[in-house]
Amino acid sequence: MGDPRKPRKKWIRPGHPWIRERLIEEMEIVGKYGLRNKRELWIAQTMLRKIRERAKA
């Protein structure tokens, strides 16, 4: 039957949390696409980052 899967974070937070330009850009994206919070944005960015990394390999 196997072992149960371990829960993992599906997002990576920005390296430095309080860069003004990035905060403004994130708020525009959240408002434009109707995301509930920034975590949803970070999840999407992380998924795209992983897909791009796999495409390069």
N, C-alpha and C. Protein backbone atom coordinates (compact mmCIF):
# COMPACT_ATOMS: atom_id res chain seq x y z
N MET A 1 0.81 -1.19 0.00
CA MET A 1 0.00 0.00 0.00
C MET A 1 0.86 1.25 0.00
N GLY A 2 2.03 1.18 0.58
CA GLY A 2 2.92 2.34 0.52
C GLY A 2 2.71 3.32 1.65
N ASP A 3 3.63 4.23 1.73
CA ASP A 3 3.58 5.25 2.76
C ASP A 3 2.73 6.43 2.29
N PRO A 4 2.10 7.14 3.24
CA PRO A 4 1.34 8.33 2.84
C PRO A 4 2.28 9.43 2.35
N ARG A 5 1.77 10.25 1.46
CA ARG A 5 2.58 11.34 0.92
C ARG A 5 2.76 12.43 1.96
N LYS A 6 3.90 13.09 1.89
CA LYS A 6 4.18 14.18 2.81
C LYS A 6 3.65 15.49 2.21
N PRO A 7 2.96 16.29 2.99
CA PRO A 7 2.50 17.58 2.46
C PRO A 7 3.68 18.52 2.23
N ARG A 8 3.69 19.18 1.09
CA ARG A 8 4.76 20.11 0.75
C ARG A 8 4.17 21.45 0.35
N LYS A 9 4.93 22.49 0.59
CA LYS A 9 4.51 23.81 0.12
C LYS A 9 4.53 23.82 -1.39
N LYS A 10 3.56 24.49 -1.99
CA LYS A 10 3.46 24.56 -3.43
C LYS A 10 3.93 25.90 -3.96
N TRP A 11 4.52 26.72 -3.10
CA TRP A 11 4.94 28.04 -3.53
C TRP A 11 6.28 28.38 -2.89
N ILE A 12 6.95 29.35 -3.51
CA ILE A 12 8.18 29.91 -2.96
C ILE A 12 7.95 31.40 -2.80
N ARG A 13 8.14 31.89 -1.59
CA ARG A 13 7.95 33.31 -1.35
C ARG A 13 9.06 34.11 -2.01
N PRO A 14 8.82 35.39 -2.28
CA PRO A 14 9.89 36.24 -2.81
C PRO A 14 11.04 36.32 -1.82
N GLY A 15 12.24 36.47 -2.34
CA GLY A 15 13.41 36.52 -1.48
C GLY A 15 13.40 37.67 -0.51
N HIS A 16 13.08 38.85 -0.99
CA HIS A 16 13.00 40.02 -0.12
C HIS A 16 11.55 40.51 -0.14
N PRO A 17 10.86 40.51 1.00
CA PRO A 17 9.42 40.73 0.99
C PRO A 17 8.94 42.15 0.77
N TRP A 18 9.78 43.17 0.96
CA TRP A 18 9.25 44.54 0.95
C TRP A 18 9.89 45.43 -0.11
N ILE A 19 10.00 44.95 -1.33
CA ILE A 19 10.47 45.79 -2.43
C ILE A 19 9.25 46.46 -3.04
N ARG A 20 9.25 47.80 -3.04
CA ARG A 20 8.06 48.57 -3.42
C ARG A 20 7.57 48.24 -4.83
N GLU A 21 8.48 48.19 -5.80
CA GLU A 21 8.07 47.95 -7.18
C GLU A 21 7.38 46.59 -7.32
N ARG A 22 7.93 45.57 -6.65
CA ARG A 22 7.34 44.24 -6.73
C ARG A 22 5.99 44.19 -6.06
N LEU A 23 5.84 44.90 -4.93
CA LEU A 23 4.56 44.93 -4.23
C LEU A 23 3.47 45.55 -5.12
N ILE A 24 3.81 46.66 -5.78
CA ILE A 24 2.84 47.31 -6.67
C ILE A 24 2.48 46.39 -7.83
N GLU A 25 3.49 45.75 -8.42
CA GLU A 25 3.25 44.84 -9.54
C GLU A 25 2.37 43.67 -9.12
N GLU A 26 2.63 43.11 -7.93
CA GLU A 26 1.82 41.99 -7.45
C GLU A 26 0.38 42.41 -7.23
N MET A 27 0.16 43.59 -6.66
CA MET A 27 -1.21 44.05 -6.41
C MET A 27 -1.97 44.25 -7.72
N GLU A 28 -1.28 44.75 -8.76
CA GLU A 28 -1.93 44.92 -10.06
C GLU A 28 -2.34 43.57 -10.64
N ILE A 29 -1.46 42.58 -10.54
CA ILE A 29 -1.77 41.25 -11.07
C ILE A 29 -2.91 40.61 -10.29
N VAL A 30 -2.88 40.73 -8.96
CA VAL A 30 -3.94 40.16 -8.12
C VAL A 30 -5.28 40.79 -8.47
N GLY A 31 -5.30 42.11 -8.66
CA GLY A 31 -6.55 42.79 -9.01
C GLY A 31 -7.02 42.45 -10.41
N LYS A 32 -6.09 42.35 -11.35
CA LYS A 32 -6.44 42.09 -12.75
C LYS A 32 -7.06 40.71 -12.94
N TYR A 33 -6.50 39.70 -12.28
CA TYR A 33 -6.95 38.33 -12.48
C TYR A 33 -7.87 37.82 -11.37
N GLY A 34 -8.19 38.66 -10.40
CA GLY A 34 -9.15 38.29 -9.36
C GLY A 34 -8.66 37.22 -8.42
N LEU A 35 -7.37 37.24 -8.11
CA LEU A 35 -6.83 36.27 -7.16
C LEU A 35 -7.24 36.66 -5.75
N ARG A 36 -7.38 35.67 -4.88
CA ARG A 36 -7.81 35.94 -3.51
C ARG A 36 -6.71 36.54 -2.66
N ASN A 37 -5.48 36.09 -2.91
CA ASN A 37 -4.36 36.59 -2.10
C ASN A 37 -3.07 36.39 -2.88
N LYS A 38 -1.98 36.88 -2.31
CA LYS A 38 -0.70 36.81 -2.99
C LYS A 38 -0.17 35.38 -3.06
N ARG A 39 -0.60 34.54 -2.15
CA ARG A 39 -0.14 33.14 -2.18
C ARG A 39 -0.56 32.48 -3.48
N GLU A 40 -1.76 32.77 -3.97
CA GLU A 40 -2.19 32.21 -5.25
C GLU A 40 -1.27 32.67 -6.38
N LEU A 41 -0.85 33.91 -6.33
CA LEU A 41 0.08 34.43 -7.32
C LEU A 41 1.42 33.71 -7.22
N TRP A 42 1.92 33.52 -6.00
CA TRP A 42 3.20 32.84 -5.80
C TRP A 42 3.13 31.39 -6.27
N ILE A 43 1.97 30.73 -6.07
CA ILE A 43 1.81 29.34 -6.53
C ILE A 43 1.92 29.29 -8.05
N ALA A 44 1.25 30.22 -8.74
CA ALA A 44 1.30 30.24 -10.20
C ALA A 44 2.71 30.54 -10.69
N GLN A 45 3.39 31.50 -10.05
CA GLN A 45 4.75 31.82 -10.46
C GLN A 45 5.69 30.64 -10.24
N THR A 46 5.50 29.92 -9.14
CA THR A 46 6.35 28.76 -8.86
C THR A 46 6.12 27.66 -9.88
N MET A 47 4.86 27.43 -10.25
CA MET A 47 4.56 26.41 -11.26
C MET A 47 5.23 26.77 -12.58
N LEU A 48 5.13 28.04 -13.00
CA LEU A 48 5.76 28.46 -14.24
C LEU A 48 7.28 28.32 -14.17
N ARG A 49 7.86 28.68 -13.03
CA ARG A 49 9.30 28.56 -12.85
C ARG A 49 9.75 27.11 -13.01
N LYS A 50 9.00 26.18 -12.42
CA LYS A 50 9.36 24.77 -12.51
C LYS A 50 9.22 24.24 -13.93
N ILE A 51 8.17 24.67 -14.64
CA ILE A 51 7.97 24.24 -16.03
C ILE A 51 9.11 24.74 -16.90
N ARG A 52 9.52 26.01 -16.71
CA ARG A 52 10.62 26.56 -17.49
C ARG A 52 11.93 25.82 -17.20
N GLU A 53 12.16 25.48 -15.93
CA GLU A 53 13.38 24.74 -15.58
C GLU A 53 13.39 23.37 -16.26
N ARG A 54 12.24 22.69 -16.28
CA ARG A 54 12.17 21.37 -16.92
C ARG A 54 12.37 21.49 -18.43
N ALA A 55 11.87 22.59 -19.03
CA ALA A 55 12.01 22.77 -20.47
C ALA A 55 13.48 22.99 -20.86
N LYS A 56 14.24 23.63 -19.98
CA LYS A 56 15.65 23.87 -20.26
C LYS A 56 16.48 22.60 -20.17
N ALA A 57 16.05 21.67 -19.33
CA ALA A 57 16.84 20.45 -19.10
C ALA A 57 16.76 19.49 -20.26
